Amino acid sequence: MSQTDSKIYGVYTGTDMKSYMCLLKIADTAATVPVYQVTAPGGKGLPIDGSWQDYHRSTLFGSMTVVLDGELELGVTAGPIRTATAKAGDAFVMIDLLGDGHSAMRKGRVPLHVLNTRFALSVGGLWAALSKGFTGWPDNVLPPAEYSPYPSTGLADPSRRYPDKSP
């Protein structure tokens, strides 16, 4: 599937601490985004039951979810794009660690199969890798490197915010 056929949505915390969504594209220059875990539900996938997860935040440093089959709808609380339904080949890059969070609902007529990768920190910086690997991030992104998870719990520390998002 070519980039023109699929969509990549960025789900992020804005500098105003709201959750937003934007359309991203794969950058012309390659970037390595560090991950620590990749998961995929096996078997028949997640059932078509219209199951809904209320507003929740991304965990640790965020993740990327690629829809392999079925449909997944995500919603956010702010910005011009409030909901998006991803189909096979579409992806969500989620770094909404401190905002209002995103909702998720399984949709469509076939069971949902996704591939989920959890981001990790890197020496060069996670935001440096994400902003190099994907274009289209708005100016109001609060990058994941702007706050650090507590080492023992993995929870984000909302008291650590910095205005500069340069790598």
N, C-alpha and C. Protein backbone atom coordinates (compact mmCIF):
# COMPACT_ATOMS: atom_id res chain seq x y z
N MET A 1 0.84 -1.16 0.00
CA MET A 1 0.00 0.00 0.00
C MET A 1 0.90 1.24 0.00
N SER A 2 0.66 2.17 -0.88
CA SER A 2 1.49 3.36 -0.97
C SER A 2 1.06 4.39 0.06
N GLN A 3 1.93 5.36 0.29
CA GLN A 3 1.63 6.41 1.25
C GLN A 3 0.39 7.19 0.84
N THR A 4 0.11 7.30 -0.45
CA THR A 4 -1.06 8.04 -0.89
C THR A 4 -2.34 7.29 -0.58
N ASP A 5 -2.27 5.96 -0.45
CA ASP A 5 -3.45 5.16 -0.14
C ASP A 5 -3.76 5.13 1.35
N SER A 6 -2.74 5.23 2.17
CA SER A 6 -2.94 5.12 3.61
C SER A 6 -2.80 6.48 4.28
N LYS A 7 -3.33 6.55 5.50
CA LYS A 7 -3.27 7.79 6.28
C LYS A 7 -2.53 7.53 7.57
N ILE A 8 -1.79 8.53 8.01
CA ILE A 8 -1.11 8.49 9.30
C ILE A 8 -1.62 9.67 10.11
N TYR A 9 -2.18 9.38 11.27
CA TYR A 9 -2.71 10.41 12.14
C TYR A 9 -1.79 10.58 13.33
N GLY A 10 -1.45 11.81 13.65
CA GLY A 10 -0.71 12.10 14.87
C GLY A 10 -1.70 12.48 15.95
N VAL A 11 -1.62 11.85 17.10
CA VAL A 11 -2.48 12.16 18.25
C VAL A 11 -1.53 12.65 19.34
N TYR A 12 -1.70 13.89 19.77
CA TYR A 12 -0.68 14.50 20.62
C TYR A 12 -1.28 15.44 21.66
N THR A 13 -0.49 15.75 22.68
CA THR A 13 -0.84 16.75 23.67
C THR A 13 -0.36 18.10 23.14
N GLY A 14 -1.24 19.08 23.17
CA GLY A 14 -0.87 20.44 22.77
C GLY A 14 -0.26 21.19 23.93
N THR A 15 0.35 22.31 23.64
CA THR A 15 0.96 23.13 24.69
C THR A 15 -0.08 23.67 25.67
N ASP A 16 -1.37 23.63 25.29
CA ASP A 16 -2.45 24.04 26.19
C ASP A 16 -3.00 22.87 27.01
N MET A 17 -2.32 21.71 26.89
CA MET A 17 -2.66 20.49 27.63
C MET A 17 -3.97 19.83 27.16
N LYS A 18 -4.43 20.14 25.96
CA LYS A 18 -5.57 19.47 25.34
C LYS A 18 -5.02 18.39 24.39
N SER A 19 -5.86 17.45 24.01
CA SER A 19 -5.46 16.41 23.06
C SER A 19 -5.93 16.76 21.66
N TYR A 20 -5.03 16.61 20.68
CA TYR A 20 -5.27 17.00 19.30
C TYR A 20 -4.96 15.84 18.36
N MET A 21 -5.41 16.00 17.10
CA MET A 21 -5.09 15.05 16.05
C MET A 21 -4.70 15.83 14.80
N CYS A 22 -3.73 15.30 14.06
CA CYS A 22 -3.29 15.92 12.81
C CYS A 22 -2.98 14.83 11.80
N LEU A 23 -2.87 15.21 10.55
CA LEU A 23 -2.45 14.27 9.50
C LEU A 23 -0.95 14.39 9.33
N LEU A 24 -0.28 13.25 9.27
CA LEU A 24 1.17 13.21 9.10
C LEU A 24 1.52 12.54 7.78
N LYS A 25 2.73 12.74 7.34
CA LYS A 25 3.28 12.03 6.18
C LYS A 25 4.64 11.49 6.57
N ILE A 26 5.05 10.43 5.91
CA ILE A 26 6.39 9.89 6.12
C ILE A 26 7.37 10.86 5.49
N ALA A 27 8.39 11.23 6.23
CA ALA A 27 9.38 12.20 5.75
C ALA A 27 10.25 11.60 4.66
N ASP A 28 10.87 12.47 3.88
CA ASP A 28 11.79 12.02 2.82
C ASP A 28 13.06 11.43 3.39
N THR A 29 13.45 11.90 4.58
CA THR A 29 14.67 11.37 5.21
C THR A 29 14.30 10.28 6.20
N ALA A 30 15.10 9.26 6.26
CA ALA A 30 14.82 8.13 7.15
C ALA A 30 15.10 8.51 8.60
N ALA A 31 14.36 7.90 9.49
CA ALA A 31 14.57 8.10 10.92
C ALA A 31 14.29 6.78 11.63
N THR A 32 15.04 6.53 12.67
CA THR A 32 14.81 5.34 13.49
C THR A 32 14.11 5.78 14.76
N VAL A 33 12.91 5.28 14.97
CA VAL A 33 12.13 5.60 16.17
C VAL A 33 12.32 4.44 17.14
N PRO A 34 12.84 4.72 18.34
CA PRO A 34 13.11 3.64 19.29
C PRO A 34 11.82 3.05 19.87
N VAL A 35 11.78 1.72 19.95
CA VAL A 35 10.63 1.03 20.55
C VAL A 35 11.14 0.02 21.57
N TYR A 36 10.28 -0.32 22.52
CA TYR A 36 10.66 -1.35 23.49
C TYR A 36 9.71 -2.54 23.47
N GLN A 37 8.56 -2.41 22.78
CA GLN A 37 7.60 -3.51 22.78
C GLN A 37 6.75 -3.44 21.52
N VAL A 38 6.49 -4.59 20.92
CA VAL A 38 5.58 -4.69 19.78
C VAL A 38 4.56 -5.77 20.13
N THR A 39 3.27 -5.44 20.01
CA THR A 39 2.22 -6.42 20.32
C THR A 39 1.21 -6.50 19.19
N ALA A 40 0.64 -7.66 19.03
CA ALA A 40 -0.42 -7.88 18.06
C ALA A 40 -1.36 -8.94 18.62
N PRO A 41 -2.67 -8.64 18.71
CA PRO A 41 -3.58 -9.67 19.19
C PRO A 41 -3.65 -10.80 18.19
N GLY A 42 -3.55 -11.99 18.68
CA GLY A 42 -3.57 -13.16 17.80
C GLY A 42 -4.98 -13.66 17.57
N GLY A 43 -5.07 -14.82 17.01
CA GLY A 43 -6.36 -15.47 16.81
C GLY A 43 -7.25 -14.73 15.85
N LYS A 44 -8.49 -14.56 16.24
CA LYS A 44 -9.49 -13.96 15.37
C LYS A 44 -9.53 -12.44 15.46
N GLY A 45 -8.62 -11.84 16.23
CA GLY A 45 -8.63 -10.39 16.37
C GLY A 45 -9.63 -9.93 17.40
N LEU A 46 -9.78 -8.62 17.52
CA LEU A 46 -10.73 -8.04 18.46
C LEU A 46 -12.10 -8.03 17.81
N PRO A 47 -13.15 -8.46 18.54
CA PRO A 47 -14.47 -8.61 17.93
C PRO A 47 -15.09 -7.29 17.50
N ILE A 48 -16.07 -7.40 16.61
CA ILE A 48 -16.83 -6.23 16.14
C ILE A 48 -17.97 -6.04 17.13
N ASP A 49 -17.72 -5.33 18.18
CA ASP A 49 -18.79 -5.16 19.17
C ASP A 49 -19.04 -3.70 19.47
N GLY A 50 -18.43 -2.80 18.70
CA GLY A 50 -18.62 -1.39 18.95
C GLY A 50 -18.04 -0.97 20.28
N SER A 51 -17.13 -1.78 20.83
CA SER A 51 -16.55 -1.51 22.12
C SER A 51 -15.89 -0.14 22.14
N TRP A 52 -16.08 0.59 23.21
CA TRP A 52 -15.65 1.98 23.34
C TRP A 52 -14.75 2.12 24.54
N GLN A 53 -13.62 2.80 24.37
CA GLN A 53 -12.78 3.18 25.51
C GLN A 53 -12.89 4.69 25.65
N ASP A 54 -13.32 5.12 26.82
CA ASP A 54 -13.47 6.54 27.07
C ASP A 54 -12.09 7.20 27.04
N TYR A 55 -12.06 8.49 27.17
CA TYR A 55 -10.82 9.25 27.04
C TYR A 55 -9.73 8.74 27.97
N HIS A 56 -8.63 8.31 27.38
CA HIS A 56 -7.48 7.80 28.11
C HIS A 56 -6.23 8.31 27.39
N ARG A 57 -5.13 8.38 28.12
CA ARG A 57 -3.88 8.89 27.55
C ARG A 57 -3.00 7.74 27.08
N SER A 58 -2.06 8.08 26.20
CA SER A 58 -1.04 7.12 25.81
C SER A 58 -0.17 6.83 27.01
N THR A 59 0.38 5.63 27.09
CA THR A 59 1.20 5.26 28.23
C THR A 59 2.69 5.45 27.94
N LEU A 60 3.44 5.60 29.00
CA LEU A 60 4.89 5.78 28.94
C LEU A 60 5.27 6.87 27.95
N PHE A 61 5.94 6.54 26.85
CA PHE A 61 6.41 7.54 25.90
C PHE A 61 5.55 7.61 24.65
N GLY A 62 4.44 6.89 24.61
CA GLY A 62 3.56 6.90 23.45
C GLY A 62 3.72 5.63 22.63
N SER A 63 3.02 5.59 21.50
CA SER A 63 3.01 4.37 20.69
C SER A 63 2.59 4.67 19.27
N MET A 64 2.69 3.66 18.43
CA MET A 64 2.16 3.72 17.07
C MET A 64 1.32 2.48 16.85
N THR A 65 0.09 2.68 16.41
CA THR A 65 -0.82 1.59 16.12
C THR A 65 -1.09 1.56 14.62
N VAL A 66 -0.82 0.42 14.01
CA VAL A 66 -1.08 0.23 12.58
C VAL A 66 -2.25 -0.74 12.46
N VAL A 67 -3.29 -0.33 11.74
CA VAL A 67 -4.44 -1.19 11.53
C VAL A 67 -4.12 -2.16 10.39
N LEU A 68 -4.18 -3.45 10.70
CA LEU A 68 -3.92 -4.48 9.70
C LEU A 68 -5.20 -4.94 9.02
N ASP A 69 -6.30 -4.99 9.79
CA ASP A 69 -7.60 -5.39 9.27
C ASP A 69 -8.66 -4.82 10.20
N GLY A 70 -9.82 -4.50 9.66
CA GLY A 70 -10.88 -3.92 10.46
C GLY A 70 -10.79 -2.40 10.47
N GLU A 71 -11.49 -1.77 11.41
CA GLU A 71 -11.53 -0.32 11.51
C GLU A 71 -11.43 0.10 12.97
N LEU A 72 -10.69 1.17 13.21
CA LEU A 72 -10.52 1.71 14.55
C LEU A 72 -10.74 3.22 14.48
N GLU A 73 -11.69 3.70 15.28
CA GLU A 73 -11.97 5.14 15.32
C GLU A 73 -11.39 5.74 16.59
N LEU A 74 -10.64 6.82 16.45
CA LEU A 74 -10.12 7.56 17.59
C LEU A 74 -10.72 8.95 17.59
N GLY A 75 -10.93 9.48 18.78
CA GLY A 75 -11.44 10.83 18.94
C GLY A 75 -10.60 11.61 19.93
N VAL A 76 -10.52 12.93 19.75
CA VAL A 76 -9.78 13.81 20.66
C VAL A 76 -10.69 14.97 21.06
N THR A 77 -10.21 15.80 21.97
CA THR A 77 -11.05 16.86 22.53
C THR A 77 -10.84 18.24 21.93
N ALA A 78 -9.79 18.44 21.12
CA ALA A 78 -9.50 19.78 20.61
C ALA A 78 -9.00 19.72 19.18
N GLY A 79 -9.04 20.86 18.50
CA GLY A 79 -8.49 20.98 17.16
C GLY A 79 -9.50 20.73 16.07
N PRO A 80 -9.09 20.97 14.81
CA PRO A 80 -10.01 20.83 13.69
C PRO A 80 -10.36 19.38 13.34
N ILE A 81 -9.47 18.43 13.61
CA ILE A 81 -9.79 17.01 13.39
C ILE A 81 -10.13 16.40 14.74
N ARG A 82 -11.40 16.07 14.96
CA ARG A 82 -11.83 15.53 16.26
C ARG A 82 -11.94 14.02 16.25
N THR A 83 -12.25 13.43 15.10
CA THR A 83 -12.31 11.97 15.00
C THR A 83 -11.71 11.52 13.67
N ALA A 84 -11.19 10.32 13.66
CA ALA A 84 -10.68 9.70 12.44
C ALA A 84 -10.89 8.20 12.55
N THR A 85 -11.29 7.59 11.45
CA THR A 85 -11.45 6.15 11.40
C THR A 85 -10.34 5.58 10.53
N ALA A 86 -9.50 4.76 11.14
CA ALA A 86 -8.40 4.13 10.42
C ALA A 86 -8.85 2.78 9.90
N LYS A 87 -8.44 2.50 8.66
CA LYS A 87 -8.72 1.21 8.02
C LYS A 87 -7.39 0.52 7.76
N ALA A 88 -7.44 -0.66 7.18
CA ALA A 88 -6.21 -1.43 6.93
C ALA A 88 -5.18 -0.56 6.21
N GLY A 89 -3.97 -0.51 6.77
CA GLY A 89 -2.88 0.29 6.21
C GLY A 89 -2.73 1.65 6.85
N ASP A 90 -3.72 2.11 7.60
CA ASP A 90 -3.64 3.41 8.28
C ASP A 90 -2.97 3.24 9.64
N ALA A 91 -2.48 4.35 10.17
CA ALA A 91 -1.77 4.30 11.46
C ALA A 91 -2.08 5.52 12.31
N PHE A 92 -1.93 5.33 13.62
CA PHE A 92 -2.00 6.41 14.60
C PHE A 92 -0.65 6.48 15.32
N VAL A 93 -0.01 7.65 15.31
CA VAL A 93 1.19 7.89 16.10
C VAL A 93 0.71 8.68 17.31
N MET A 94 0.77 8.05 18.49
CA MET A 94 0.13 8.62 19.68
C MET A 94 1.15 9.07 20.72
N ILE A 95 1.19 10.38 20.94
CA ILE A 95 2.04 10.94 21.98
C ILE A 95 1.22 11.90 22.86
N ASP A 96 -0.03 11.55 23.11
CA ASP A 96 -0.88 12.36 23.99
C ASP A 96 -0.77 11.85 25.42
N LEU A 97 0.36 12.16 26.04
CA LEU A 97 0.67 11.63 27.36
C LEU A 97 0.09 12.46 28.50
N LEU A 98 -0.17 13.73 28.27
CA LEU A 98 -0.63 14.59 29.35
C LEU A 98 -1.95 15.29 29.07
N GLY A 99 -2.45 15.22 27.86
CA GLY A 99 -3.66 15.93 27.49
C GLY A 99 -4.91 15.29 28.06
N ASP A 100 -6.04 15.63 27.44
CA ASP A 100 -7.34 15.09 27.86
C ASP A 100 -7.46 13.62 27.50
N GLY A 101 -6.62 13.16 26.58
CA GLY A 101 -6.65 11.77 26.15
C GLY A 101 -7.46 11.59 24.88
N HIS A 102 -7.51 10.35 24.41
CA HIS A 102 -8.25 10.02 23.20
C HIS A 102 -9.24 8.89 23.50
N SER A 103 -10.31 8.87 22.74
CA SER A 103 -11.26 7.77 22.84
C SER A 103 -10.96 6.79 21.72
N ALA A 104 -11.40 5.56 21.87
CA ALA A 104 -11.17 4.55 20.85
C ALA A 104 -12.41 3.66 20.73
N MET A 105 -12.78 3.34 19.49
CA MET A 105 -13.92 2.47 19.26
C MET A 105 -13.64 1.56 18.07
N ARG A 106 -13.92 0.28 18.25
CA ARG A 106 -13.81 -0.67 17.15
C ARG A 106 -15.04 -0.52 16.26
N LYS A 107 -14.80 -0.47 14.95
CA LYS A 107 -15.89 -0.29 14.00
C LYS A 107 -15.75 -1.28 12.86
N GLY A 108 -16.64 -1.18 11.89
CA GLY A 108 -16.53 -1.98 10.68
C GLY A 108 -17.21 -3.32 10.77
N ARG A 109 -16.99 -4.12 9.73
CA ARG A 109 -17.67 -5.41 9.61
C ARG A 109 -16.76 -6.61 9.78
N VAL A 110 -15.48 -6.35 10.04
CA VAL A 110 -14.53 -7.46 10.26
C VAL A 110 -13.80 -7.23 11.58
N PRO A 111 -13.34 -8.30 12.22
CA PRO A 111 -12.60 -8.15 13.47
C PRO A 111 -11.37 -7.25 13.27
N LEU A 112 -11.01 -6.55 14.32
CA LEU A 112 -9.89 -5.61 14.28
C LEU A 112 -8.58 -6.32 14.59
N HIS A 113 -7.61 -6.18 13.69
CA HIS A 113 -6.25 -6.66 13.90
C HIS A 113 -5.34 -5.44 13.82
N VAL A 114 -4.54 -5.23 14.84
CA VAL A 114 -3.62 -4.10 14.87
C VAL A 114 -2.23 -4.58 15.25
N LEU A 115 -1.25 -3.77 14.92
CA LEU A 115 0.12 -3.96 15.37
C LEU A 115 0.45 -2.71 16.17
N ASN A 116 0.81 -2.88 17.43
CA ASN A 116 1.07 -1.74 18.30
C ASN A 116 2.53 -1.76 18.75
N THR A 117 3.20 -0.63 18.56
CA THR A 117 4.59 -0.50 19.02
C THR A 117 4.64 0.57 20.09
N ARG A 118 5.27 0.28 21.20
CA ARG A 118 5.44 1.24 22.30
C ARG A 118 6.79 1.92 22.14
N PHE A 119 6.79 3.24 22.16
CA PHE A 119 8.03 3.99 21.99
C PHE A 119 8.90 3.91 23.24
N ALA A 120 10.20 4.06 23.02
CA ALA A 120 11.18 4.11 24.11
C ALA A 120 12.00 5.38 23.94
N LEU A 121 12.71 5.76 24.99
CA LEU A 121 13.62 6.90 24.89
C LEU A 121 14.85 6.48 24.10
N SER A 122 15.50 7.45 23.49
CA SER A 122 16.74 7.15 22.78
C SER A 122 17.77 8.21 23.12
N VAL A 123 19.02 7.92 22.83
CA VAL A 123 20.09 8.86 23.10
C VAL A 123 19.85 10.16 22.34
N GLY A 124 19.41 10.06 21.09
CA GLY A 124 19.17 11.25 20.27
C GLY A 124 17.87 11.95 20.60
N GLY A 125 16.99 11.31 21.36
CA GLY A 125 15.72 11.91 21.73
C GLY A 125 14.57 11.38 20.89
N LEU A 126 13.49 11.01 21.55
CA LEU A 126 12.31 10.47 20.88
C LEU A 126 11.68 11.52 19.96
N TRP A 127 11.53 12.75 20.46
CA TRP A 127 10.91 13.78 19.62
C TRP A 127 11.75 14.06 18.39
N ALA A 128 13.05 14.03 18.51
CA ALA A 128 13.93 14.24 17.35
C ALA A 128 13.64 13.17 16.29
N ALA A 129 13.48 11.92 16.72
CA ALA A 129 13.20 10.83 15.78
C ALA A 129 11.80 10.97 15.16
N LEU A 130 10.79 11.28 15.98
CA LEU A 130 9.43 11.41 15.47
C LEU A 130 9.29 12.60 14.53
N SER A 131 9.91 13.72 14.87
CA SER A 131 9.78 14.90 14.00
C SER A 131 10.63 14.77 12.74
N LYS A 132 11.64 13.93 12.76
CA LYS A 132 12.42 13.67 11.56
C LYS A 132 11.72 12.63 10.68
N GLY A 133 11.09 11.65 11.27
CA GLY A 133 10.46 10.56 10.53
C GLY A 133 9.09 10.89 9.96
N PHE A 134 8.39 11.86 10.56
CA PHE A 134 7.05 12.23 10.12
C PHE A 134 6.96 13.74 9.98
N THR A 135 6.41 14.20 8.87
CA THR A 135 6.18 15.63 8.68
C THR A 135 4.70 15.93 8.92
N GLY A 136 4.40 17.18 9.24
CA GLY A 136 3.01 17.59 9.46
C GLY A 136 2.67 17.87 10.90
N TRP A 137 3.65 17.73 11.82
CA TRP A 137 3.38 18.04 13.23
C TRP A 137 3.14 19.54 13.36
N PRO A 138 2.05 19.96 13.99
CA PRO A 138 1.79 21.40 14.19
C PRO A 138 2.76 22.02 15.20
N ASP A 139 2.76 23.34 15.27
CA ASP A 139 3.64 24.06 16.18
C ASP A 139 3.25 23.91 17.64
N ASN A 140 2.00 23.49 17.91
CA ASN A 140 1.55 23.43 19.31
C ASN A 140 1.78 22.07 19.97
N VAL A 141 2.60 21.20 19.38
CA VAL A 141 2.88 19.88 19.97
C VAL A 141 3.73 20.05 21.23
N LEU A 142 3.32 19.38 22.30
CA LEU A 142 4.16 19.26 23.48
C LEU A 142 4.91 17.93 23.32
N PRO A 143 6.17 17.99 22.87
CA PRO A 143 6.89 16.75 22.56
C PRO A 143 7.09 15.86 23.77
N PRO A 144 7.15 14.54 23.57
CA PRO A 144 7.30 13.62 24.69
C PRO A 144 8.61 13.82 25.46
N ALA A 145 9.62 14.39 24.85
CA ALA A 145 10.88 14.63 25.55
C ALA A 145 10.76 15.80 26.52
N GLU A 146 9.66 16.54 26.46
CA GLU A 146 9.48 17.70 27.33
C GLU A 146 9.14 17.30 28.76
N TYR A 147 8.77 16.06 28.98
CA TYR A 147 8.46 15.59 30.32
C TYR A 147 9.04 14.20 30.46
N SER A 148 9.39 13.85 31.67
CA SER A 148 10.04 12.56 31.90
C SER A 148 9.15 11.66 32.73
N PRO A 149 9.08 10.38 32.40
CA PRO A 149 8.31 9.48 33.25
C PRO A 149 9.06 9.21 34.56
N TYR A 150 8.29 9.03 35.59
CA TYR A 150 8.91 8.63 36.84
C TYR A 150 9.54 7.25 36.63
N PRO A 151 10.77 7.03 37.03
CA PRO A 151 11.43 5.75 36.75
C PRO A 151 10.67 4.54 37.29
N SER A 152 10.08 4.65 38.46
CA SER A 152 9.47 3.46 39.05
C SER A 152 8.05 3.20 38.56
N THR A 153 7.32 4.23 38.12
CA THR A 153 5.92 4.02 37.76
C THR A 153 5.63 4.18 36.28
N GLY A 154 6.49 4.90 35.54
CA GLY A 154 6.22 5.15 34.14
C GLY A 154 5.20 6.25 33.91
N LEU A 155 4.74 6.89 34.98
CA LEU A 155 3.77 7.97 34.83
C LEU A 155 4.46 9.27 34.45
N ALA A 156 3.83 10.03 33.59
CA ALA A 156 4.42 11.30 33.17
C ALA A 156 4.32 12.32 34.31
N ASP A 157 5.31 13.16 34.43
CA ASP A 157 5.36 14.20 35.45
C ASP A 157 4.90 15.51 34.84
N PRO A 158 3.63 15.93 35.07
CA PRO A 158 3.10 17.13 34.43
C PRO A 158 3.76 18.42 34.92
N SER A 159 4.53 18.37 35.99
CA SER A 159 5.19 19.59 36.48
C SER A 159 6.42 19.94 35.65
N ARG A 160 6.91 19.01 34.81
CA ARG A 160 8.09 19.27 33.98
C ARG A 160 7.66 19.61 32.57
N ARG A 161 7.54 20.88 32.27
CA ARG A 161 7.18 21.33 30.91
C ARG A 161 8.14 22.43 30.50
N TYR A 162 8.59 22.37 29.28
CA TYR A 162 9.49 23.36 28.74
C TYR A 162 8.95 23.85 27.41
N PRO A 163 9.05 25.17 27.14
CA PRO A 163 8.46 25.69 25.91
C PRO A 163 9.23 25.31 24.64
N ASP A 164 10.53 25.06 24.71
CA ASP A 164 11.32 24.77 23.53
C ASP A 164 11.18 23.32 23.13
N LYS A 165 10.77 23.06 21.88
CA LYS A 165 10.61 21.68 21.44
C LYS A 165 11.69 21.28 20.45
N SER A 166 12.78 22.00 20.42
CA SER A 166 13.85 21.64 19.50
C SER A 166 14.55 20.38 19.98
N PRO A 167 15.06 19.56 19.03
CA PRO A 167 15.68 18.28 19.43
C PRO A 167 16.95 18.47 20.23
